[in-house]
C-alpha atoms as a PDB file:
ATOM      1  CA  MET A   1      -8.550   0.370 -10.637  1.00  0.00           C
ATOM      2  CA  LEU A   2      -5.664  -1.954  -9.902  1.00  0.00           C
ATOM      3  CA  THR A   3      -5.570  -4.620 -12.620  1.00  0.00           C
ATOM      4  CA  ALA A   4      -4.316  -8.153 -12.044  1.00  0.00           C
ATOM      5  CA  LYS A   5      -1.130  -7.476 -14.028  1.00  0.00           C
ATOM      6  CA  LYS A   6      -0.323  -4.312 -12.065  1.00  0.00           C
ATOM      7  CA  LYS A   7      -1.014  -6.065  -8.778  1.00  0.00           C
ATOM      8  CA  ALA A   8       1.186  -9.040  -9.743  1.00  0.00           C
ATOM      9  CA  LYS A   9       3.995  -6.640 -10.645  1.00  0.00           C
ATOM     10  CA  VAL A  10       3.723  -4.838  -7.296  1.00  0.00           C
ATOM     11  CA  ILE A  11       3.673  -8.152  -5.430  1.00  0.00           C
ATOM     12  CA  LYS A  12       6.710  -9.432  -7.334  1.00  0.00           C
ATOM     13  CA  GLU A  13       8.684  -6.254  -6.575  1.00  0.00           C
ATOM     14  CA  SER A  14       8.033  -6.298  -2.835  1.00  0.00           C
ATOM     15  CA  ALA A  15       7.780 -10.028  -2.045  1.00  0.00           C
ATOM     16  CA  ILE A  16      10.220 -11.506   0.442  1.00  0.00           C
ATOM     17  CA  HIS A  17      10.328 -14.882  -1.331  1.00  0.00           C
ATOM     18  CA  ASP A  18       8.852 -16.420  -4.503  1.00  0.00           C
ATOM     19  CA  THR A  19       5.475 -17.481  -3.120  1.00  0.00           C
ATOM     20  CA  ASP A  20       4.984 -14.482  -0.818  1.00  0.00           C
ATOM     21  CA  THR A  21       1.608 -12.805  -1.319  1.00  0.00           C
ATOM     22  CA  GLY A  22       0.557 -11.813   2.180  1.00  0.00           C
ATOM     23  CA  SER A  23       3.492 -10.410   4.102  1.00  0.00           C
ATOM     24  CA  ALA A  24       3.183  -6.939   5.569  1.00  0.00           C
ATOM     25  CA  GLU A  25       5.505  -5.521   2.905  1.00  0.00           C
ATOM     26  CA  VAL A  26       3.369  -6.878   0.079  1.00  0.00           C
ATOM     27  CA  GLN A  27       0.178  -5.617   1.673  1.00  0.00           C
ATOM     28  CA  ILE A  28       1.689  -2.164   2.218  1.00  0.00           C
ATOM     29  CA  ALA A  29       2.893  -2.012  -1.393  1.00  0.00           C
ATOM     30  CA  VAL A  30      -0.476  -3.066  -2.827  1.00  0.00           C
ATOM     31  CA  LEU A  31      -2.342  -0.632  -0.587  1.00  0.00           C
ATOM     32  CA  SER A  32       0.048   2.168  -1.593  1.00  0.00           C
ATOM     33  CA  LYS A  33      -0.585   1.495  -5.275  1.00  0.00           C
ATOM     34  CA  ARG A  34      -4.361   1.453  -4.734  1.00  0.00           C
ATOM     35  CA  ILE A  35      -4.147   4.658  -2.680  1.00  0.00           C
ATOM     36  CA  ASP A  36      -2.197   6.411  -5.452  1.00  0.00           C
ATOM     37  CA  GLU A  37      -4.731   5.396  -8.100  1.00  0.00           C
ATOM     38  CA  LEU A  38      -7.720   6.363  -5.967  1.00  0.00           C
ATOM     39  CA  THR A  39      -6.132   9.705  -5.124  1.00  0.00           C
ATOM     40  CA  SER A  40      -5.834  10.569  -8.799  1.00  0.00           C
ATOM     41  CA  HIS A  41      -9.483   9.536  -9.301  1.00  0.00           C
ATOM     42  CA  LEU A  42     -10.607  11.792  -6.463  1.00  0.00           C
ATOM     43  CA  LYS A  43      -8.753  14.768  -7.904  1.00  0.00           C
ATOM     44  CA  LYS A  44     -11.047  14.559 -10.942  1.00  0.00           C
ATOM     45  CA  HIS A  45     -14.227  13.603  -9.078  1.00  0.00           C
ATOM     46  CA  LEU A  46     -14.338  15.879  -6.063  1.00  0.00           C
ATOM     47  CA  LYS A  47     -17.841  14.877  -4.921  1.00  0.00           C
ATOM     48  CA  ASP A  48     -17.228  11.127  -4.834  1.00  0.00           C
ATOM     49  CA  LYS A  49     -17.664  10.734  -1.080  1.00  0.00           C
ATOM     50  CA  HIS A  50     -17.997   6.936  -1.129  1.00  0.00           C
ATOM     51  CA  SER A  51     -14.593   6.495  -2.739  1.00  0.00           C
ATOM     52  CA  ARG A  52     -13.097   9.012  -0.333  1.00  0.00           C
ATOM     53  CA  ARG A  53     -14.307   6.883   2.577  1.00  0.00           C
ATOM     54  CA  GLY A  54     -12.691   3.814   1.005  1.00  0.00           C
ATOM     55  CA  LEU A  55      -9.472   5.775   0.590  1.00  0.00           C
ATOM     56  CA  LEU A  56      -9.444   6.700   4.267  1.00  0.00           C
ATOM     57  CA  GLN A  57      -9.966   3.041   5.210  1.00  0.00           C
ATOM     58  CA  MET A  58      -7.053   1.982   3.004  1.00  0.00           C
ATOM     59  CA  VAL A  59      -4.794   4.646   4.516  1.00  0.00           C
ATOM     60  CA  ALA A  60      -5.712   3.472   8.021  1.00  0.00           C
ATOM     61  CA  ASP A  61      -5.055  -0.159   7.044  1.00  0.00           C
ATOM     62  CA  ARG A  62      -1.657   0.728   5.579  1.00  0.00           C
ATOM     63  CA  ARG A  63      -0.803   2.708   8.720  1.00  0.00           C
ATOM     64  CA  THR A  64      -1.660  -0.357  10.838  1.00  0.00           C
ATOM     65  CA  HIS A  65       0.664  -2.579   8.783  1.00  0.00           C
ATOM     66  CA  LEU A  66       3.423   0.030   9.003  1.00  0.00           C
ATOM     67  CA  LYS A  67       3.070   0.253  12.786  1.00  0.00           C
ATOM     68  CA  TYR A  68       3.347  -3.535  13.021  1.00  0.00           C
ATOM     69  CA  LEU A  69       6.560  -3.556  10.997  1.00  0.00           C
ATOM     70  CA  GLU A  70       7.987  -0.610  12.897  1.00  0.00           C
ATOM     71  CA  SER A  71       7.467  -2.248  16.262  1.00  0.00           C
ATOM     72  CA  ASN A  72       8.491  -5.810  15.333  1.00  0.00           C
ATOM     73  CA  HIS A  73      10.883  -5.621  12.346  1.00  0.00           C
ATOM     74  CA  LYS A  74      12.837  -2.349  12.236  1.00  0.00           C
ATOM     75  CA  LYS A  75      15.017  -3.256   9.235  1.00  0.00           C
ATOM     76  CA  ARG A  76      12.068  -4.421   7.126  1.00  0.00           C
ATOM     77  CA  TYR A  77      10.163  -1.263   8.096  1.00  0.00           C
ATOM     78  CA  ALA A  78      13.030   1.001   7.053  1.00  0.00           C
ATOM     79  CA  ALA A  79      13.444  -0.872   3.774  1.00  0.00           C
ATOM     80  CA  ILE A  80       9.775  -0.649   2.755  1.00  0.00           C
ATOM     81  CA  VAL A  81       9.481   3.023   3.727  1.00  0.00           C
ATOM     82  CA  LYS A  82      12.552   3.854   1.666  1.00  0.00           C
ATOM     83  CA  LYS A  83      11.430   1.704  -1.279  1.00  0.00           C
ATOM     84  CA  LEU A  84       7.934   3.193  -1.465  1.00  0.00           C
ATOM     85  CA  ASN A  85       8.978   6.766  -0.561  1.00  0.00           C
ATOM     86  CA  LEU A  86       6.651   6.872   2.434  1.00  0.00           C
ATOM     87  CA  LYS A  87       7.291   9.473   5.081  1.00  0.00           C
ATOM     88  CA  LYS A  88       5.867   9.353   8.542  1.00  0.00           C
END
């Protein structure tokens, strides 16, 4: 589970400005962190179908944010993909 401290750290690392909490970059970074943690959970608990469904929803949400950045802000898209090691 993503604790408040971990989430604040992720937000601080990917924020565009000091009070940024909702930009596409921040949302992609937070979703990526949650996806990583849930993936490790599912490796241990193979039959947890409810969490797997949540994981698929998060992946789809992150993909939507990435498509938005790719179509509207090419430089920001390239920066976040490189920073988070995401490959298309």
